[in-house]
Amino acid sequence: MRKKSLCFIMLCLLPIFVNLSCKSTPKEEQNNFSNEIIQKENVFDLIKESALLNVIVRRLGGEYPISISVVNGAETRWVQMDKPEKEIANLIQQISETTSMSLQEVNGYYFLYPTEQSIYENLTRLSLSDKLPSKYEHITVTAGFGAGTKLFNVLNSLNFTYGCNIVADNSIAELPVGEVVISQKPLNIALEMILKSARIVPQNIRWCATDDFIFFYTTLNMRIDQLIDCKIFNRETKQPLLDKEVIISLPKSVPLDRKVSLPFYEGALPLSKVAPVLANQTGLTIEMMPGTENLPVNPCYLNKMQLKLALDLLTFQWLDISYSYFVENEKIVFTKLGK
């Protein structure tokens, strides 16, 4: 009798142990398992079962040649419909209604944003169409970026993949983008989608754009008057050393082989930490005047360009105009006004 009772108790406890062992499965393995299940279903099956908006958007971008931008923070809304529309345009309209989102269709892409606050409506007015050099209309982008990806990582990825040089100052570079899928869009339209997803309203953003680079900045940048029409980049110099061609990859050097993906980073590092890498890539000694050692340097990837332009793009990210640089005697010196 005692043996039977013991067996009965063990049978009762067995499900508990099984349940505990499942809960102790590493999160990464759980996610991989869930992803495997999701991958076996098409987007319509997912919608019927219920899934997060970012998962649905990512799947739509993977299954159809479609471009969608979602405002950061809205990606956690749930999508569930018993009878999803089969026409993609109608389906996206249906998704926007189900998630209480507004929908803008412009320049061949869809932009989803919350209806709750009128400030989001302002994002729809941001436009880069016909506002960048024509060169960028001929660079065709197909890409996807997950919600929460820092803007500097997105721009660096575009630089690395498409051979451009796009940088943003520190007031916007660390903003997280929303879920974005881009299919065969000109670079200027792709950037428009990305900036909207990062909640950047048109009143706050400016840009300096030439065939060599694009520099995004905001009204917080103390160089704003000099950045208009790229005047600050056009300063004449009689130093041949500044004309040398460089490739800058910070905080670490990466292979030039485009088959290798560019690493994504969490945030900025102090200038003192990246100085050795910058010295190696420029072939020059780096000197930091007191007060500059801890300046934040965001991860940055710049393709072949003049050393002067590369240093300008690095230093103009700092909002405080008192920080700058000069080059002399095979040395780059970062300075602080008054030091």
C-alpha atoms as a PDB file:
ATOM      1  CA  MET A   1       0.000   0.000   0.000  1.00  0.00           C
ATOM      2  CA  ARG A   2       2.829   2.345   0.906  1.00  0.00           C
ATOM      3  CA  LYS A   3       4.524   1.594  -2.424  1.00  0.00           C
ATOM      4  CA  LYS A   4       1.330   2.391  -4.327  1.00  0.00           C
ATOM      5  CA  SER A   5       0.979   5.704  -2.462  1.00  0.00           C
ATOM      6  CA  LEU A   6       4.589   6.573  -3.221  1.00  0.00           C
ATOM      7  CA  CYS A   7       4.114   5.812  -6.911  1.00  0.00           C
ATOM      8  CA  PHE A   8       0.966   7.943  -6.961  1.00  0.00           C
ATOM      9  CA  ILE A   9       2.801  10.886  -5.376  1.00  0.00           C
ATOM     10  CA  MET A  10       5.659  10.593  -7.865  1.00  0.00           C
ATOM     11  CA  LEU A  11       3.216  10.568 -10.775  1.00  0.00           C
ATOM     12  CA  CYS A  12       1.594  13.707  -9.411  1.00  0.00           C
ATOM     13  CA  LEU A  13       4.955  15.441  -9.017  1.00  0.00           C
ATOM     14  CA  LEU A  14       6.216  14.449 -12.473  1.00  0.00           C
ATOM     15  CA  PRO A  15       4.271  17.135 -14.360  1.00  0.00           C
ATOM     16  CA  ILE A  16       5.609  19.748 -11.947  1.00  0.00           C
ATOM     17  CA  PHE A  17       9.210  18.709 -12.615  1.00  0.00           C
ATOM     18  CA  VAL A  18       8.553  18.687 -16.351  1.00  0.00           C
ATOM     19  CA  ASN A  19       7.038  22.162 -16.128  1.00  0.00           C
ATOM     20  CA  LEU A  20      10.006  23.454 -14.126  1.00  0.00           C
ATOM     21  CA  SER A  21      12.484  21.981 -16.584  1.00  0.00           C
ATOM     22  CA  CYS A  22      10.720  23.757 -19.459  1.00  0.00           C
ATOM     23  CA  LYS A  23      10.842  27.069 -17.612  1.00  0.00           C
ATOM     24  CA  SER A  24      14.558  26.698 -17.088  1.00  0.00           C
ATOM     25  CA  THR A  25      15.198  26.452 -20.845  1.00  0.00           C
ATOM     26  CA  PRO A  26      17.523  29.304 -21.892  1.00  0.00           C
ATOM     27  CA  LYS A  27      15.622  32.290 -23.268  1.00  0.00           C
ATOM     28  CA  GLU A  28      17.589  32.167 -26.517  1.00  0.00           C
ATOM     29  CA  GLU A  29      16.540  28.568 -27.106  1.00  0.00           C
ATOM     30  CA  GLN A  30      12.915  29.425 -26.321  1.00  0.00           C
ATOM     31  CA  ASN A  31      13.023  32.287 -28.802  1.00  0.00           C
ATOM     32  CA  ASN A  32      14.603  30.086 -31.447  1.00  0.00           C
ATOM     33  CA  PHE A  33      11.915  27.466 -30.901  1.00  0.00           C
ATOM     34  CA  SER A  34       9.172  30.091 -31.156  1.00  0.00           C
ATOM     35  CA  ASN A  35      10.766  31.538 -34.275  1.00  0.00           C
ATOM     36  CA  GLU A  36      10.871  28.105 -35.864  1.00  0.00           C
ATOM     37  CA  ILE A  37       7.147  27.707 -35.268  1.00  0.00           C
ATOM     38  CA  ILE A  38       6.438  31.185 -36.626  1.00  0.00           C
ATOM     39  CA  GLN A  39       8.563  30.571 -39.712  1.00  0.00           C
ATOM     40  CA  LYS A  40       6.370  27.612 -40.651  1.00  0.00           C
ATOM     41  CA  GLU A  41       3.286  29.830 -40.812  1.00  0.00           C
ATOM     42  CA  ASN A  42       2.532  32.450 -43.423  1.00  0.00           C
ATOM     43  CA  VAL A  43       1.557  35.962 -42.458  1.00  0.00           C
ATOM     44  CA  PHE A  44      -2.170  35.286 -42.808  1.00  0.00           C
ATOM     45  CA  ASP A  45      -1.986  32.348 -40.392  1.00  0.00           C
ATOM     46  CA  LEU A  46      -0.128  34.519 -37.887  1.00  0.00           C
ATOM     47  CA  ILE A  47      -2.726  37.256 -38.100  1.00  0.00           C
ATOM     48  CA  LYS A  48      -5.531  34.792 -37.443  1.00  0.00           C
ATOM     49  CA  GLU A  49      -3.738  33.439 -34.375  1.00  0.00           C
ATOM     50  CA  SER A  50      -2.589  36.844 -33.060  1.00  0.00           C
ATOM     51  CA  ALA A  51       0.935  38.278 -33.238  1.00  0.00           C
ATOM     52  CA  LEU A  52       2.807  41.475 -32.411  1.00  0.00           C
ATOM     53  CA  LEU A  53       2.706  44.221 -35.022  1.00  0.00           C
ATOM     54  CA  ASN A  54       6.480  44.154 -35.559  1.00  0.00           C
ATOM     55  CA  VAL A  55       6.372  40.413 -36.289  1.00  0.00           C
ATOM     56  CA  ILE A  56       3.580  40.918 -38.824  1.00  0.00           C
ATOM     57  CA  VAL A  57       5.384  43.811 -40.529  1.00  0.00           C
ATOM     58  CA  ARG A  58       8.643  41.855 -40.669  1.00  0.00           C
ATOM     59  CA  ARG A  59       6.855  38.870 -42.165  1.00  0.00           C
ATOM     60  CA  LEU A  60       5.054  41.019 -44.735  1.00  0.00           C
ATOM     61  CA  GLY A  61       8.413  42.448 -45.792  1.00  0.00           C
ATOM     62  CA  GLY A  62       9.843  38.942 -46.079  1.00  0.00           C
ATOM     63  CA  GLU A  63       6.974  37.513 -48.096  1.00  0.00           C
ATOM     64  CA  TYR A  64       6.036  40.462 -50.318  1.00  0.00           C
ATOM     65  CA  PRO A  65       7.878  43.309 -52.112  1.00  0.00           C
ATOM     66  CA  ILE A  66       6.455  45.914 -49.784  1.00  0.00           C
ATOM     67  CA  SER A  67       7.767  48.878 -47.786  1.00  0.00           C
ATOM     68  CA  ILE A  68       6.363  49.724 -44.343  1.00  0.00           C
ATOM     69  CA  SER A  69       7.524  52.051 -41.572  1.00  0.00           C
ATOM     70  CA  VAL A  70       6.097  51.864 -38.031  1.00  0.00           C
ATOM     71  CA  VAL A  71       6.627  54.517 -35.359  1.00  0.00           C
ATOM     72  CA  ASN A  72       8.900  53.327 -32.576  1.00  0.00           C
ATOM     73  CA  GLY A  73       6.919  52.195 -29.531  1.00  0.00           C
ATOM     74  CA  ALA A  74       3.869  51.026 -31.480  1.00  0.00           C
ATOM     75  CA  GLU A  75       5.417  47.713 -32.514  1.00  0.00           C
ATOM     76  CA  THR A  76       4.092  45.933 -29.407  1.00  0.00           C
ATOM     77  CA  ARG A  77       0.455  46.264 -30.399  1.00  0.00           C
ATOM     78  CA  TRP A  78      -1.279  42.986 -31.120  1.00  0.00           C
ATOM     79  CA  VAL A  79      -2.747  42.050 -34.468  1.00  0.00           C
ATOM     80  CA  GLN A  80      -5.537  39.494 -34.614  1.00  0.00           C
ATOM     81  CA  MET A  81      -8.189  39.119 -37.318  1.00  0.00           C
ATOM     82  CA  ASP A  82     -10.380  36.165 -38.133  1.00  0.00           C
ATOM     83  CA  LYS A  83     -10.755  37.188 -41.775  1.00  0.00           C
ATOM     84  CA  PRO A  84      -7.661  39.044 -42.990  1.00  0.00           C
ATOM     85  CA  GLU A  85      -7.928  40.697 -46.386  1.00  0.00           C
ATOM     86  CA  LYS A  86      -6.047  38.962 -49.189  1.00  0.00           C
ATOM     87  CA  GLU A  87      -5.134  42.140 -51.071  1.00  0.00           C
ATOM     88  CA  ILE A  88      -2.040  43.572 -49.384  1.00  0.00           C
ATOM     89  CA  ALA A  89      -3.169  47.194 -49.560  1.00  0.00           C
ATOM     90  CA  ASN A  90      -6.495  46.260 -47.968  1.00  0.00           C
ATOM     91  CA  LEU A  91      -4.741  44.074 -45.401  1.00  0.00           C
ATOM     92  CA  ILE A  92      -2.515  46.931 -44.253  1.00  0.00           C
ATOM     93  CA  GLN A  93      -5.547  49.199 -43.934  1.00  0.00           C
ATOM     94  CA  GLN A  94      -7.202  46.467 -41.901  1.00  0.00           C
ATOM     95  CA  ILE A  95      -4.120  46.130 -39.685  1.00  0.00           C
ATOM     96  CA  SER A  96      -4.074  49.883 -39.027  1.00  0.00           C
ATOM     97  CA  GLU A  97      -7.728  49.834 -37.970  1.00  0.00           C
ATOM     98  CA  THR A  98      -7.276  46.760 -35.763  1.00  0.00           C
ATOM     99  CA  THR A  99      -4.305  48.323 -33.941  1.00  0.00           C
ATOM    100  CA  SER A 100      -5.860  51.819 -33.687  1.00  0.00           C
ATOM    101  CA  MET A 101      -3.169  53.238 -35.931  1.00  0.00           C
ATOM    102  CA  SER A 102      -3.374  55.893 -38.622  1.00  0.00           C
ATOM    103  CA  LEU A 103      -2.048  55.045 -42.070  1.00  0.00           C
ATOM    104  CA  GLN A 104      -0.208  57.239 -44.511  1.00  0.00           C
ATOM    105  CA  GLU A 105       0.544  55.968 -48.011  1.00  0.00           C
ATOM    106  CA  VAL A 106       3.188  58.093 -49.690  1.00  0.00           C
ATOM    107  CA  ASN A 107       6.162  57.665 -52.039  1.00  0.00           C
ATOM    108  CA  GLY A 108       5.323  53.984 -52.524  1.00  0.00           C
ATOM    109  CA  TYR A 109       5.426  53.003 -48.847  1.00  0.00           C
ATOM    110  CA  TYR A 110       3.074  52.736 -45.866  1.00  0.00           C
ATOM    111  CA  PHE A 111       3.623  54.634 -42.627  1.00  0.00           C
ATOM    112  CA  LEU A 112       1.789  53.480 -39.480  1.00  0.00           C
ATOM    113  CA  TYR A 113       1.534  55.809 -36.487  1.00  0.00           C
ATOM    114  CA  PRO A 114      -0.665  56.056 -33.371  1.00  0.00           C
ATOM    115  CA  THR A 115      -3.880  58.028 -33.547  1.00  0.00           C
ATOM    116  CA  GLU A 116      -3.919  58.907 -29.825  1.00  0.00           C
ATOM    117  CA  GLN A 117      -1.721  62.026 -29.954  1.00  0.00           C
ATOM    118  CA  SER A 118      -1.818  64.723 -32.626  1.00  0.00           C
ATOM    119  CA  ILE A 119       1.981  65.110 -32.504  1.00  0.00           C
ATOM    120  CA  TYR A 120       2.340  61.907 -34.481  1.00  0.00           C
ATOM    121  CA  GLU A 121       0.427  63.480 -37.368  1.00  0.00           C
ATOM    122  CA  ASN A 122       3.305  65.922 -37.645  1.00  0.00           C
ATOM    123  CA  LEU A 123       5.621  63.077 -38.643  1.00  0.00           C
ATOM    124  CA  THR A 124       3.714  62.632 -41.886  1.00  0.00           C
ATOM    125  CA  ARG A 125       5.015  66.009 -43.069  1.00  0.00           C
ATOM    126  CA  LEU A 126       8.650  64.922 -43.047  1.00  0.00           C
ATOM    127  CA  SER A 127       9.803  64.516 -46.642  1.00  0.00           C
ATOM    128  CA  LEU A 128      13.178  63.945 -48.287  1.00  0.00           C
ATOM    129  CA  SER A 129      11.724  63.468 -51.752  1.00  0.00           C
ATOM    130  CA  ASP A 130      13.626  65.681 -54.227  1.00  0.00           C
ATOM    131  CA  LYS A 131      15.511  67.291 -51.321  1.00  0.00           C
ATOM    132  CA  LEU A 132      18.815  65.416 -51.602  1.00  0.00           C
ATOM    133  CA  PRO A 133      21.300  65.364 -54.507  1.00  0.00           C
ATOM    134  CA  SER A 134      20.043  63.289 -57.448  1.00  0.00           C
ATOM    135  CA  LYS A 135      22.830  60.763 -56.808  1.00  0.00           C
ATOM    136  CA  TYR A 136      20.810  59.297 -53.932  1.00  0.00           C
ATOM    137  CA  GLU A 137      17.774  58.663 -56.104  1.00  0.00           C
ATOM    138  CA  HIS A 138      19.827  56.079 -57.992  1.00  0.00           C
ATOM    139  CA  ILE A 139      20.874  54.094 -54.908  1.00  0.00           C
ATOM    140  CA  THR A 140      18.152  51.473 -54.445  1.00  0.00           C
ATOM    141  CA  VAL A 141      17.691  50.110 -50.934  1.00  0.00           C
ATOM    142  CA  THR A 142      16.224  46.797 -49.837  1.00  0.00           C
ATOM    143  CA  ALA A 143      16.614  46.333 -46.090  1.00  0.00           C
ATOM    144  CA  GLY A 144      14.889  45.623 -42.795  1.00  0.00           C
ATOM    145  CA  PHE A 145      15.542  47.092 -39.342  1.00  0.00           C
ATOM    146  CA  GLY A 146      14.013  45.864 -36.098  1.00  0.00           C
ATOM    147  CA  ALA A 147      12.281  48.195 -33.677  1.00  0.00           C
ATOM    148  CA  GLY A 148      14.710  49.609 -31.131  1.00  0.00           C
ATOM    149  CA  THR A 149      17.743  49.623 -33.428  1.00  0.00           C
ATOM    150  CA  LYS A 150      19.794  52.750 -32.768  1.00  0.00           C
ATOM    151  CA  LEU A 151      19.787  55.223 -35.650  1.00  0.00           C
ATOM    152  CA  PHE A 152      23.593  55.267 -35.901  1.00  0.00           C
ATOM    153  CA  ASN A 153      23.552  51.506 -36.492  1.00  0.00           C
ATOM    154  CA  VAL A 154      20.972  51.925 -39.250  1.00  0.00           C
ATOM    155  CA  LEU A 155      22.973  54.666 -40.992  1.00  0.00           C
ATOM    156  CA  ASN A 156      26.237  52.733 -40.667  1.00  0.00           C
ATOM    157  CA  SER A 157      24.577  49.672 -42.161  1.00  0.00           C
ATOM    158  CA  LEU A 158      23.429  51.714 -45.162  1.00  0.00           C
ATOM    159  CA  ASN A 159      26.920  53.189 -45.514  1.00  0.00           C
ATOM    160  CA  PHE A 160      28.558  49.779 -45.404  1.00  0.00           C
ATOM    161  CA  THR A 161      26.102  48.143 -47.802  1.00  0.00           C
ATOM    162  CA  TYR A 162      25.575  50.896 -50.349  1.00  0.00           C
ATOM    163  CA  GLY A 163      28.856  52.800 -50.260  1.00  0.00           C
ATOM    164  CA  CYS A 164      27.434  56.085 -48.976  1.00  0.00           C
ATOM    165  CA  ASN A 165      28.438  58.284 -46.041  1.00  0.00           C
ATOM    166  CA  ILE A 166      25.523  59.247 -43.791  1.00  0.00           C
ATOM    167  CA  VAL A 167      26.047  60.593 -40.270  1.00  0.00           C
ATOM    168  CA  ALA A 168      23.763  62.139 -37.632  1.00  0.00           C
ATOM    169  CA  ASP A 169      24.762  64.383 -34.742  1.00  0.00           C
ATOM    170  CA  ASN A 170      24.488  63.222 -31.134  1.00  0.00           C
ATOM    171  CA  SER A 171      21.058  64.760 -30.584  1.00  0.00           C
ATOM    172  CA  ILE A 172      19.433  62.167 -32.856  1.00  0.00           C
ATOM    173  CA  ALA A 173      22.014  59.440 -33.561  1.00  0.00           C
ATOM    174  CA  GLU A 174      21.037  57.318 -30.555  1.00  0.00           C
ATOM    175  CA  LEU A 175      17.302  57.483 -31.144  1.00  0.00           C
ATOM    176  CA  PRO A 176      15.713  54.057 -31.656  1.00  0.00           C
ATOM    177  CA  VAL A 177      13.945  53.440 -34.948  1.00  0.00           C
ATOM    178  CA  GLY A 178      10.659  51.583 -35.280  1.00  0.00           C
ATOM    179  CA  GLU A 179      10.060  48.424 -37.293  1.00  0.00           C
ATOM    180  CA  VAL A 180      11.005  49.197 -40.900  1.00  0.00           C
ATOM    181  CA  VAL A 181      10.983  47.023 -44.021  1.00  0.00           C
ATOM    182  CA  ILE A 182      12.174  48.571 -47.275  1.00  0.00           C
ATOM    183  CA  SER A 183      11.832  47.010 -50.707  1.00  0.00           C
ATOM    184  CA  GLN A 184      13.540  48.567 -53.700  1.00  0.00           C
ATOM    185  CA  LYS A 185      13.270  52.205 -52.631  1.00  0.00           C
ATOM    186  CA  PRO A 186      15.601  55.097 -53.511  1.00  0.00           C
ATOM    187  CA  LEU A 187      17.937  55.956 -50.641  1.00  0.00           C
ATOM    188  CA  ASN A 188      16.260  59.305 -49.984  1.00  0.00           C
ATOM    189  CA  ILE A 189      12.876  57.607 -49.546  1.00  0.00           C
ATOM    190  CA  ALA A 190      14.414  54.879 -47.379  1.00  0.00           C
ATOM    191  CA  LEU A 191      15.890  57.573 -45.117  1.00  0.00           C
ATOM    192  CA  GLU A 192      12.519  59.309 -44.937  1.00  0.00           C
ATOM    193  CA  MET A 193      10.908  56.074 -43.739  1.00  0.00           C
ATOM    194  CA  ILE A 194      13.639  55.512 -41.148  1.00  0.00           C
ATOM    195  CA  LEU A 195      13.555  59.039 -39.712  1.00  0.00           C
ATOM    196  CA  LYS A 196       9.764  58.977 -39.406  1.00  0.00           C
ATOM    197  CA  SER A 197       9.931  55.692 -37.523  1.00  0.00           C
ATOM    198  CA  ALA A 198      12.373  57.307 -35.057  1.00  0.00           C
ATOM    199  CA  ARG A 199       9.771  59.997 -34.247  1.00  0.00           C
ATOM    200  CA  ILE A 200      11.781  62.828 -35.773  1.00  0.00           C
ATOM    201  CA  VAL A 201       9.467  65.714 -36.647  1.00  0.00           C
ATOM    202  CA  PRO A 202      10.325  67.994 -39.588  1.00  0.00           C
ATOM    203  CA  GLN A 203      10.678  71.117 -37.415  1.00  0.00           C
ATOM    204  CA  ASN A 204      13.608  69.609 -35.515  1.00  0.00           C
ATOM    205  CA  ILE A 205      15.759  68.121 -38.254  1.00  0.00           C
ATOM    206  CA  ARG A 206      18.094  69.697 -40.772  1.00  0.00           C
ATOM    207  CA  TRP A 207      20.581  68.188 -43.178  1.00  0.00           C
ATOM    208  CA  CYS A 208      23.639  69.082 -45.166  1.00  0.00           C
ATOM    209  CA  ALA A 209      23.874  66.890 -48.268  1.00  0.00           C
ATOM    210  CA  THR A 210      26.435  66.671 -51.061  1.00  0.00           C
ATOM    211  CA  ASP A 211      27.465  63.883 -53.418  1.00  0.00           C
ATOM    212  CA  ASP A 212      30.117  62.927 -50.848  1.00  0.00           C
ATOM    213  CA  PHE A 213      28.037  62.754 -47.649  1.00  0.00           C
ATOM    214  CA  ILE A 214      24.772  63.450 -45.830  1.00  0.00           C
ATOM    215  CA  PHE A 215      24.894  64.985 -42.363  1.00  0.00           C
ATOM    216  CA  PHE A 216      21.694  65.126 -40.287  1.00  0.00           C
ATOM    217  CA  TYR A 217      21.571  67.556 -37.384  1.00  0.00           C
ATOM    218  CA  THR A 218      19.021  69.306 -35.195  1.00  0.00           C
ATOM    219  CA  THR A 219      18.388  72.754 -33.849  1.00  0.00           C
ATOM    220  CA  LEU A 220      20.351  71.743 -30.727  1.00  0.00           C
ATOM    221  CA  ASN A 221      23.605  71.711 -32.690  1.00  0.00           C
ATOM    222  CA  MET A 222      25.492  74.920 -31.869  1.00  0.00           C
ATOM    223  CA  ARG A 223      27.030  74.937 -35.355  1.00  0.00           C
ATOM    224  CA  ILE A 224      23.604  75.304 -36.942  1.00  0.00           C
ATOM    225  CA  ASP A 225      24.327  78.658 -38.622  1.00  0.00           C
ATOM    226  CA  GLN A 226      27.521  77.326 -40.176  1.00  0.00           C
ATOM    227  CA  LEU A 227      25.933  74.040 -41.227  1.00  0.00           C
ATOM    228  CA  ILE A 228      23.363  75.775 -43.415  1.00  0.00           C
ATOM    229  CA  ASP A 229      24.326  75.211 -47.065  1.00  0.00           C
ATOM    230  CA  CYS A 230      27.294  73.139 -45.842  1.00  0.00           C
ATOM    231  CA  LYS A 231      29.377  76.289 -45.340  1.00  0.00           C
ATOM    232  CA  ILE A 232      31.375  74.814 -42.481  1.00  0.00           C
ATOM    233  CA  PHE A 233      32.497  71.876 -44.635  1.00  0.00           C
ATOM    234  CA  ASN A 234      33.836  74.216 -47.311  1.00  0.00           C
ATOM    235  CA  ARG A 235      36.546  75.825 -45.208  1.00  0.00           C
ATOM    236  CA  GLU A 236      39.705  76.056 -47.274  1.00  0.00           C
ATOM    237  CA  THR A 237      42.856  74.373 -46.061  1.00  0.00           C
ATOM    238  CA  LYS A 238      46.350  74.382 -47.453  1.00  0.00           C
ATOM    239  CA  GLN A 239      47.327  71.164 -45.718  1.00  0.00           C
ATOM    240  CA  PRO A 240      47.852  68.344 -48.271  1.00  0.00           C
ATOM    241  CA  LEU A 241      47.676  65.890 -45.394  1.00  0.00           C
ATOM    242  CA  LEU A 242      43.936  66.598 -45.057  1.00  0.00           C
ATOM    243  CA  ASP A 243      43.375  65.538 -48.676  1.00  0.00           C
ATOM    244  CA  LYS A 244      44.468  61.954 -48.092  1.00  0.00           C
ATOM    245  CA  GLU A 245      41.790  59.291 -48.561  1.00  0.00           C
ATOM    246  CA  VAL A 246      40.687  57.274 -45.531  1.00  0.00           C
ATOM    247  CA  ILE A 247      38.163  54.662 -44.486  1.00  0.00           C
ATOM    248  CA  ILE A 248      36.906  55.111 -40.922  1.00  0.00           C
ATOM    249  CA  SER A 249      35.327  52.284 -38.939  1.00  0.00           C
ATOM    250  CA  LEU A 250      34.711  52.948 -35.251  1.00  0.00           C
ATOM    251  CA  PRO A 251      34.900  51.663 -32.577  1.00  0.00           C
ATOM    252  CA  LYS A 252      36.559  48.704 -34.352  1.00  0.00           C
ATOM    253  CA  SER A 253      37.981  48.028 -37.777  1.00  0.00           C
ATOM    254  CA  VAL A 254      35.858  45.701 -39.890  1.00  0.00           C
ATOM    255  CA  PRO A 255      36.668  43.692 -43.030  1.00  0.00           C
ATOM    256  CA  LEU A 256      36.041  45.531 -46.285  1.00  0.00           C
ATOM    257  CA  ASP A 257      34.319  42.442 -47.700  1.00  0.00           C
ATOM    258  CA  ARG A 258      30.640  43.386 -48.112  1.00  0.00           C
ATOM    259  CA  LYS A 259      29.707  39.732 -47.616  1.00  0.00           C
ATOM    260  CA  VAL A 260      30.437  40.262 -43.913  1.00  0.00           C
ATOM    261  CA  SER A 261      27.722  42.118 -42.009  1.00  0.00           C
ATOM    262  CA  LEU A 262      28.605  45.243 -40.064  1.00  0.00           C
ATOM    263  CA  PRO A 263      28.445  44.820 -36.261  1.00  0.00           C
ATOM    264  CA  PHE A 264      25.725  46.710 -34.383  1.00  0.00           C
ATOM    265  CA  TYR A 265      26.737  48.506 -31.194  1.00  0.00           C
ATOM    266  CA  GLU A 266      24.939  49.621 -28.033  1.00  0.00           C
ATOM    267  CA  GLY A 267      26.180  53.192 -27.843  1.00  0.00           C
ATOM    268  CA  ALA A 268      28.986  55.725 -27.842  1.00  0.00           C
ATOM    269  CA  LEU A 269      32.473  55.261 -26.411  1.00  0.00           C
ATOM    270  CA  PRO A 270      34.746  58.004 -25.057  1.00  0.00           C
ATOM    271  CA  LEU A 271      37.210  59.498 -27.515  1.00  0.00           C
ATOM    272  CA  SER A 272      40.117  58.091 -25.507  1.00  0.00           C
ATOM    273  CA  LYS A 273      38.860  54.541 -26.188  1.00  0.00           C
ATOM    274  CA  VAL A 274      38.561  54.906 -29.976  1.00  0.00           C
ATOM    275  CA  ALA A 275      41.647  57.098 -30.476  1.00  0.00           C
ATOM    276  CA  PRO A 276      44.012  54.123 -31.084  1.00  0.00           C
ATOM    277  CA  VAL A 277      41.690  52.758 -33.795  1.00  0.00           C
ATOM    278  CA  LEU A 278      41.389  56.190 -35.415  1.00  0.00           C
ATOM    279  CA  ALA A 279      45.186  56.584 -35.321  1.00  0.00           C
ATOM    280  CA  ASN A 280      45.647  53.235 -37.026  1.00  0.00           C
ATOM    281  CA  GLN A 281      43.111  54.033 -39.760  1.00  0.00           C
ATOM    282  CA  THR A 282      44.460  57.515 -40.516  1.00  0.00           C
ATOM    283  CA  GLY A 283      48.150  56.750 -40.071  1.00  0.00           C
ATOM    284  CA  LEU A 284      48.452  59.759 -37.766  1.00  0.00           C
ATOM    285  CA  THR A 285      49.090  60.258 -34.062  1.00  0.00           C
ATOM    286  CA  ILE A 286      46.102  61.307 -31.946  1.00  0.00           C
ATOM    287  CA  GLU A 287      46.462  63.903 -29.217  1.00  0.00           C
ATOM    288  CA  MET A 288      43.613  64.915 -26.919  1.00  0.00           C
ATOM    289  CA  MET A 289      43.690  68.231 -25.129  1.00  0.00           C
ATOM    290  CA  PRO A 290      42.301  68.260 -21.562  1.00  0.00           C
ATOM    291  CA  GLY A 291      38.514  68.101 -21.572  1.00  0.00           C
ATOM    292  CA  THR A 292      38.204  66.103 -24.794  1.00  0.00           C
ATOM    293  CA  GLU A 293      39.111  62.602 -23.606  1.00  0.00           C
ATOM    294  CA  ASN A 294      35.559  61.704 -22.609  1.00  0.00           C
ATOM    295  CA  LEU A 295      33.744  63.167 -25.603  1.00  0.00           C
ATOM    296  CA  PRO A 296      31.219  60.544 -26.819  1.00  0.00           C
ATOM    297  CA  VAL A 297      32.042  59.021 -30.191  1.00  0.00           C
ATOM    298  CA  ASN A 298      29.169  57.121 -31.736  1.00  0.00           C
ATOM    299  CA  PRO A 299      29.891  54.035 -33.836  1.00  0.00           C
ATOM    300  CA  CYS A 300      30.654  55.289 -37.314  1.00  0.00           C
ATOM    301  CA  TYR A 301      31.420  53.795 -40.717  1.00  0.00           C
ATOM    302  CA  LEU A 302      32.694  56.093 -43.452  1.00  0.00           C
ATOM    303  CA  ASN A 303      33.700  54.940 -46.913  1.00  0.00           C
ATOM    304  CA  LYS A 304      36.617  56.316 -48.893  1.00  0.00           C
ATOM    305  CA  MET A 305      36.679  60.073 -48.369  1.00  0.00           C
ATOM    306  CA  GLN A 306      39.000  62.996 -47.637  1.00  0.00           C
ATOM    307  CA  LEU A 307      40.506  62.972 -44.160  1.00  0.00           C
ATOM    308  CA  LYS A 308      39.219  66.519 -43.614  1.00  0.00           C
ATOM    309  CA  LEU A 309      35.626  65.512 -44.389  1.00  0.00           C
ATOM    310  CA  ALA A 310      35.883  62.418 -42.188  1.00  0.00           C
ATOM    311  CA  LEU A 311      37.164  64.464 -39.230  1.00  0.00           C
ATOM    312  CA  ASP A 312      34.513  67.122 -39.823  1.00  0.00           C
ATOM    313  CA  LEU A 313      31.752  64.506 -39.766  1.00  0.00           C
ATOM    314  CA  LEU A 314      33.150  63.036 -36.552  1.00  0.00           C
ATOM    315  CA  THR A 315      33.571  66.315 -34.661  1.00  0.00           C
ATOM    316  CA  PHE A 316      30.390  68.031 -35.875  1.00  0.00           C
ATOM    317  CA  GLN A 317      28.411  65.273 -34.143  1.00  0.00           C
ATOM    318  CA  TRP A 318      29.302  67.012 -30.879  1.00  0.00           C
ATOM    319  CA  LEU A 319      26.663  69.655 -30.218  1.00  0.00           C
ATOM    320  CA  ASP A 320      29.042  71.977 -28.363  1.00  0.00           C
ATOM    321  CA  ILE A 321      30.874  74.200 -30.857  1.00  0.00           C
ATOM    322  CA  SER A 322      33.823  74.623 -28.491  1.00  0.00           C
ATOM    323  CA  TYR A 323      35.092  71.133 -29.385  1.00  0.00           C
ATOM    324  CA  SER A 324      37.075  70.845 -32.600  1.00  0.00           C
ATOM    325  CA  TYR A 325      40.369  69.583 -34.069  1.00  0.00           C
ATOM    326  CA  PHE A 326      43.379  70.612 -36.092  1.00  0.00           C
ATOM    327  CA  VAL A 327      46.060  68.646 -37.919  1.00  0.00           C
ATOM    328  CA  GLU A 328      49.778  69.408 -37.847  1.00  0.00           C
ATOM    329  CA  ASN A 329      53.049  67.504 -38.007  1.00  0.00           C
ATOM    330  CA  GLU A 330      51.436  64.108 -38.701  1.00  0.00           C
ATOM    331  CA  LYS A 331      49.180  64.581 -35.696  1.00  0.00           C
ATOM    332  CA  ILE A 332      45.414  65.055 -35.166  1.00  0.00           C
ATOM    333  CA  VAL A 333      44.784  67.230 -32.132  1.00  0.00           C
ATOM    334  CA  PHE A 334      41.305  67.349 -30.599  1.00  0.00           C
ATOM    335  CA  THR A 335      40.770  70.638 -28.833  1.00  0.00           C
ATOM    336  CA  LYS A 336      38.457  72.459 -26.452  1.00  0.00           C
ATOM    337  CA  LEU A 337      38.098  76.194 -26.820  1.00  0.00           C
ATOM    338  CA  GLY A 338      40.104  78.006 -24.162  1.00  0.00           C
ATOM    339  CA  LYS A 339      42.469  75.061 -23.555  1.00  0.00           C
END
